[in-house]
Amino acid sequence: MPDRITLTGLRVFGRHGVFEHEKRDGQDFVVDIVVWLDLAPAAASDDLRETLHYGELAQMAAEIVGGEPYDLIESVAGRIADEVLKDSRLSAVEVTVHKPSAPIPLDFADVAVTVHRERS
């Protein structure tokens, strides 16, 4: 299905990481989400109920990132993807969680994990 909604650059403070100081001090994470669904009904009706409300999508992702601490951003991304796919209208989701302040003692721009889930 070629139709999709893309949310990029959602910046949320969270406390994820394997080191104690990451959970104690926290840091900003950046989330990108792509969801695949048929947008023809929304395009024809101009009715918000026929599509995915991206404000609610952003809020849900922000609550996960800002909520319970995880050791791995893989877990954060997977939890977001699983929650998004609870909407039966969606055929697939891709979630990228960026950790631009990861504790890597080298000069780097970003580290990110991307998960892709499809409805079976």
C-alpha atoms as a PDB file:
ATOM      1  CA  MET A   1       0.000   0.000   0.000  1.00  0.00           C
ATOM      2  CA  PRO A   2       1.670   3.225  -1.117  1.00  0.00           C
ATOM      3  CA  ASP A   3      -0.326   5.652   1.088  1.00  0.00           C
ATOM      4  CA  ARG A   4       1.393   6.700   4.264  1.00  0.00           C
ATOM      5  CA  ILE A   5       1.557   9.295   7.009  1.00  0.00           C
ATOM      6  CA  THR A   6       4.991  10.402   8.191  1.00  0.00           C
ATOM      7  CA  LEU A   7       5.837  12.093  11.482  1.00  0.00           C
ATOM      8  CA  THR A   8       9.475  13.185  11.781  1.00  0.00           C
ATOM      9  CA  GLY A   9      11.586  14.875  14.388  1.00  0.00           C
ATOM     10  CA  LEU A  10       9.434  14.356  17.473  1.00  0.00           C
ATOM     11  CA  ARG A  11      11.825  15.407  20.272  1.00  0.00           C
ATOM     12  CA  VAL A  12      11.042  13.988  23.717  1.00  0.00           C
ATOM     13  CA  PHE A  13      13.038  13.861  26.956  1.00  0.00           C
ATOM     14  CA  GLY A  14      13.454  10.310  28.248  1.00  0.00           C
ATOM     15  CA  ARG A  15      15.555   8.206  30.602  1.00  0.00           C
ATOM     16  CA  HIS A  16      16.594   5.236  28.468  1.00  0.00           C
ATOM     17  CA  GLY A  17      20.003   3.570  28.432  1.00  0.00           C
ATOM     18  CA  VAL A  18      22.051   0.817  29.967  1.00  0.00           C
ATOM     19  CA  PHE A  19      24.067   3.169  32.185  1.00  0.00           C
ATOM     20  CA  GLU A  20      22.742   4.437  35.504  1.00  0.00           C
ATOM     21  CA  HIS A  21      23.601   8.054  34.611  1.00  0.00           C
ATOM     22  CA  GLU A  22      21.407   7.809  31.492  1.00  0.00           C
ATOM     23  CA  LYS A  23      18.406   6.836  33.579  1.00  0.00           C
ATOM     24  CA  ARG A  24      19.246   9.382  36.292  1.00  0.00           C
ATOM     25  CA  ASP A  25      20.032  12.390  34.082  1.00  0.00           C
ATOM     26  CA  GLY A  26      18.013  11.560  30.971  1.00  0.00           C
ATOM     27  CA  GLN A  27      18.437  13.043  27.512  1.00  0.00           C
ATOM     28  CA  ASP A  28      16.485  14.016  24.410  1.00  0.00           C
ATOM     29  CA  PHE A  29      15.392  11.335  21.974  1.00  0.00           C
ATOM     30  CA  VAL A  30      14.051  11.999  18.494  1.00  0.00           C
ATOM     31  CA  VAL A  31      11.367   9.798  16.958  1.00  0.00           C
ATOM     32  CA  ASP A  32      10.298   9.337  13.338  1.00  0.00           C
ATOM     33  CA  ILE A  33       7.205   7.280  12.530  1.00  0.00           C
ATOM     34  CA  VAL A  34       5.812   6.167   9.177  1.00  0.00           C
ATOM     35  CA  VAL A  35       2.452   4.420   9.044  1.00  0.00           C
ATOM     36  CA  TRP A  36       0.961   2.769   5.984  1.00  0.00           C
ATOM     37  CA  LEU A  37      -2.805   2.844   5.494  1.00  0.00           C
ATOM     38  CA  ASP A  38      -5.365   3.471   2.799  1.00  0.00           C
ATOM     39  CA  LEU A  39      -5.919   7.230   2.695  1.00  0.00           C
ATOM     40  CA  ALA A  40      -8.544   7.116  -0.078  1.00  0.00           C
ATOM     41  CA  PRO A  41     -11.516   7.204   2.340  1.00  0.00           C
ATOM     42  CA  ALA A  42     -10.141  10.302   4.104  1.00  0.00           C
ATOM     43  CA  ALA A  43      -9.272  11.990   0.816  1.00  0.00           C
ATOM     44  CA  ALA A  44     -12.797  11.397  -0.503  1.00  0.00           C
ATOM     45  CA  SER A  45     -14.672  12.391   2.660  1.00  0.00           C
ATOM     46  CA  ASP A  46     -12.362  15.053   4.136  1.00  0.00           C
ATOM     47  CA  ASP A  47     -13.232  13.457   7.489  1.00  0.00           C
ATOM     48  CA  LEU A  48     -10.592  13.133  10.208  1.00  0.00           C
ATOM     49  CA  ARG A  49     -12.254   9.951  11.467  1.00  0.00           C
ATOM     50  CA  GLU A  50     -11.266   8.245   8.199  1.00  0.00           C
ATOM     51  CA  THR A  51      -7.531   8.640   8.822  1.00  0.00           C
ATOM     52  CA  LEU A  52      -4.967   8.401  11.576  1.00  0.00           C
ATOM     53  CA  HIS A  53      -4.927  11.496  13.777  1.00  0.00           C
ATOM     54  CA  TYR A  54      -1.230  12.408  13.724  1.00  0.00           C
ATOM     55  CA  GLY A  55      -1.559  14.580  16.805  1.00  0.00           C
ATOM     56  CA  GLU A  56      -2.709  11.527  18.755  1.00  0.00           C
ATOM     57  CA  LEU A  57       0.095   9.489  17.156  1.00  0.00           C
ATOM     58  CA  ALA A  58       2.664  12.025  18.367  1.00  0.00           C
ATOM     59  CA  GLN A  59       1.161  12.129  21.854  1.00  0.00           C
ATOM     60  CA  MET A  60       1.205   8.336  22.177  1.00  0.00           C
ATOM     61  CA  ALA A  61       4.848   8.124  21.083  1.00  0.00           C
ATOM     62  CA  ALA A  62       5.812  10.978  23.429  1.00  0.00           C
ATOM     63  CA  GLU A  63       4.176   9.210  26.368  1.00  0.00           C
ATOM     64  CA  ILE A  64       6.174   6.049  25.671  1.00  0.00           C
ATOM     65  CA  VAL A  65       9.493   7.855  25.225  1.00  0.00           C
ATOM     66  CA  GLY A  66       8.883  10.042  28.262  1.00  0.00           C
ATOM     67  CA  GLY A  67       7.556   7.177  30.366  1.00  0.00           C
ATOM     68  CA  GLU A  68       8.977   3.921  31.678  1.00  0.00           C
ATOM     69  CA  PRO A  69      12.764   3.717  31.237  1.00  0.00           C
ATOM     70  CA  TYR A  70      14.175   0.973  29.009  1.00  0.00           C
ATOM     71  CA  ASP A  71      17.778  -0.145  28.646  1.00  0.00           C
ATOM     72  CA  LEU A  72      17.602  -0.271  24.855  1.00  0.00           C
ATOM     73  CA  ILE A  73      16.164   2.095  22.274  1.00  0.00           C
ATOM     74  CA  GLU A  74      15.253  -1.092  20.396  1.00  0.00           C
ATOM     75  CA  SER A  75      12.697  -1.694  23.163  1.00  0.00           C
ATOM     76  CA  VAL A  76      11.389   1.873  22.925  1.00  0.00           C
ATOM     77  CA  ALA A  77      10.958   1.617  19.155  1.00  0.00           C
ATOM     78  CA  GLY A  78       9.298  -1.798  19.426  1.00  0.00           C
ATOM     79  CA  ARG A  79       6.868  -0.594  22.075  1.00  0.00           C
ATOM     80  CA  ILE A  80       5.837   2.379  19.918  1.00  0.00           C
ATOM     81  CA  ALA A  81       5.399   0.137  16.858  1.00  0.00           C
ATOM     82  CA  ASP A  82       3.289  -2.377  18.785  1.00  0.00           C
ATOM     83  CA  GLU A  83       1.078   0.375  20.157  1.00  0.00           C
ATOM     84  CA  VAL A  84       0.612   1.986  16.725  1.00  0.00           C
ATOM     85  CA  LEU A  85      -0.402  -1.316  15.126  1.00  0.00           C
ATOM     86  CA  LYS A  86      -3.310  -1.652  17.548  1.00  0.00           C
ATOM     87  CA  ASP A  87      -5.169   0.483  14.992  1.00  0.00           C
ATOM     88  CA  SER A  88      -6.564  -2.171  12.656  1.00  0.00           C
ATOM     89  CA  ARG A  89      -6.675   0.230   9.676  1.00  0.00           C
ATOM     90  CA  LEU A  90      -2.878   0.269   9.487  1.00  0.00           C
ATOM     91  CA  SER A  91      -1.017  -2.258   7.362  1.00  0.00           C
ATOM     92  CA  ALA A  92       2.508  -1.414   8.571  1.00  0.00           C
ATOM     93  CA  VAL A  93       4.562   0.919  10.717  1.00  0.00           C
ATOM     94  CA  GLU A  94       8.199   1.954  10.809  1.00  0.00           C
ATOM     95  CA  VAL A  95       9.614   3.618  13.909  1.00  0.00           C
ATOM     96  CA  THR A  96      13.058   5.168  14.204  1.00  0.00           C
ATOM     97  CA  VAL A  97      14.341   6.248  17.607  1.00  0.00           C
ATOM     98  CA  HIS A  98      17.383   8.513  17.480  1.00  0.00           C
ATOM     99  CA  LYS A  99      19.701   8.932  20.456  1.00  0.00           C
ATOM    100  CA  PRO A 100      21.891  11.872  19.428  1.00  0.00           C
ATOM    101  CA  SER A 101      23.504  12.180  22.876  1.00  0.00           C
ATOM    102  CA  ALA A 102      24.369   8.508  23.276  1.00  0.00           C
ATOM    103  CA  PRO A 103      27.388   7.926  25.519  1.00  0.00           C
ATOM    104  CA  ILE A 104      29.851   7.237  22.722  1.00  0.00           C
ATOM    105  CA  PRO A 105      33.315   8.717  23.380  1.00  0.00           C
ATOM    106  CA  LEU A 106      33.807   9.698  19.728  1.00  0.00           C
ATOM    107  CA  ASP A 107      32.559  12.501  17.508  1.00  0.00           C
ATOM    108  CA  PHE A 108      29.300  11.360  15.882  1.00  0.00           C
ATOM    109  CA  ALA A 109      26.118  12.974  14.605  1.00  0.00           C
ATOM    110  CA  ASP A 110      23.497  10.417  15.615  1.00  0.00           C
ATOM    111  CA  VAL A 111      22.757   6.828  16.462  1.00  0.00           C
ATOM    112  CA  ALA A 112      19.350   5.371  15.682  1.00  0.00           C
ATOM    113  CA  VAL A 113      17.397   2.150  15.666  1.00  0.00           C
ATOM    114  CA  THR A 114      14.627   1.460  13.170  1.00  0.00           C
ATOM    115  CA  VAL A 115      11.973  -1.242  13.529  1.00  0.00           C
ATOM    116  CA  HIS A 116       9.453  -2.192  10.863  1.00  0.00           C
ATOM    117  CA  ARG A 117       6.297  -4.126  11.677  1.00  0.00           C
ATOM    118  CA  GLU A 118       3.652  -5.387   9.279  1.00  0.00           C
ATOM    119  CA  ARG A 119       0.220  -6.752   9.961  1.00  0.00           C
ATOM    120  CA  SER A 120       0.209 -10.464   9.173  1.00  0.00           C
END
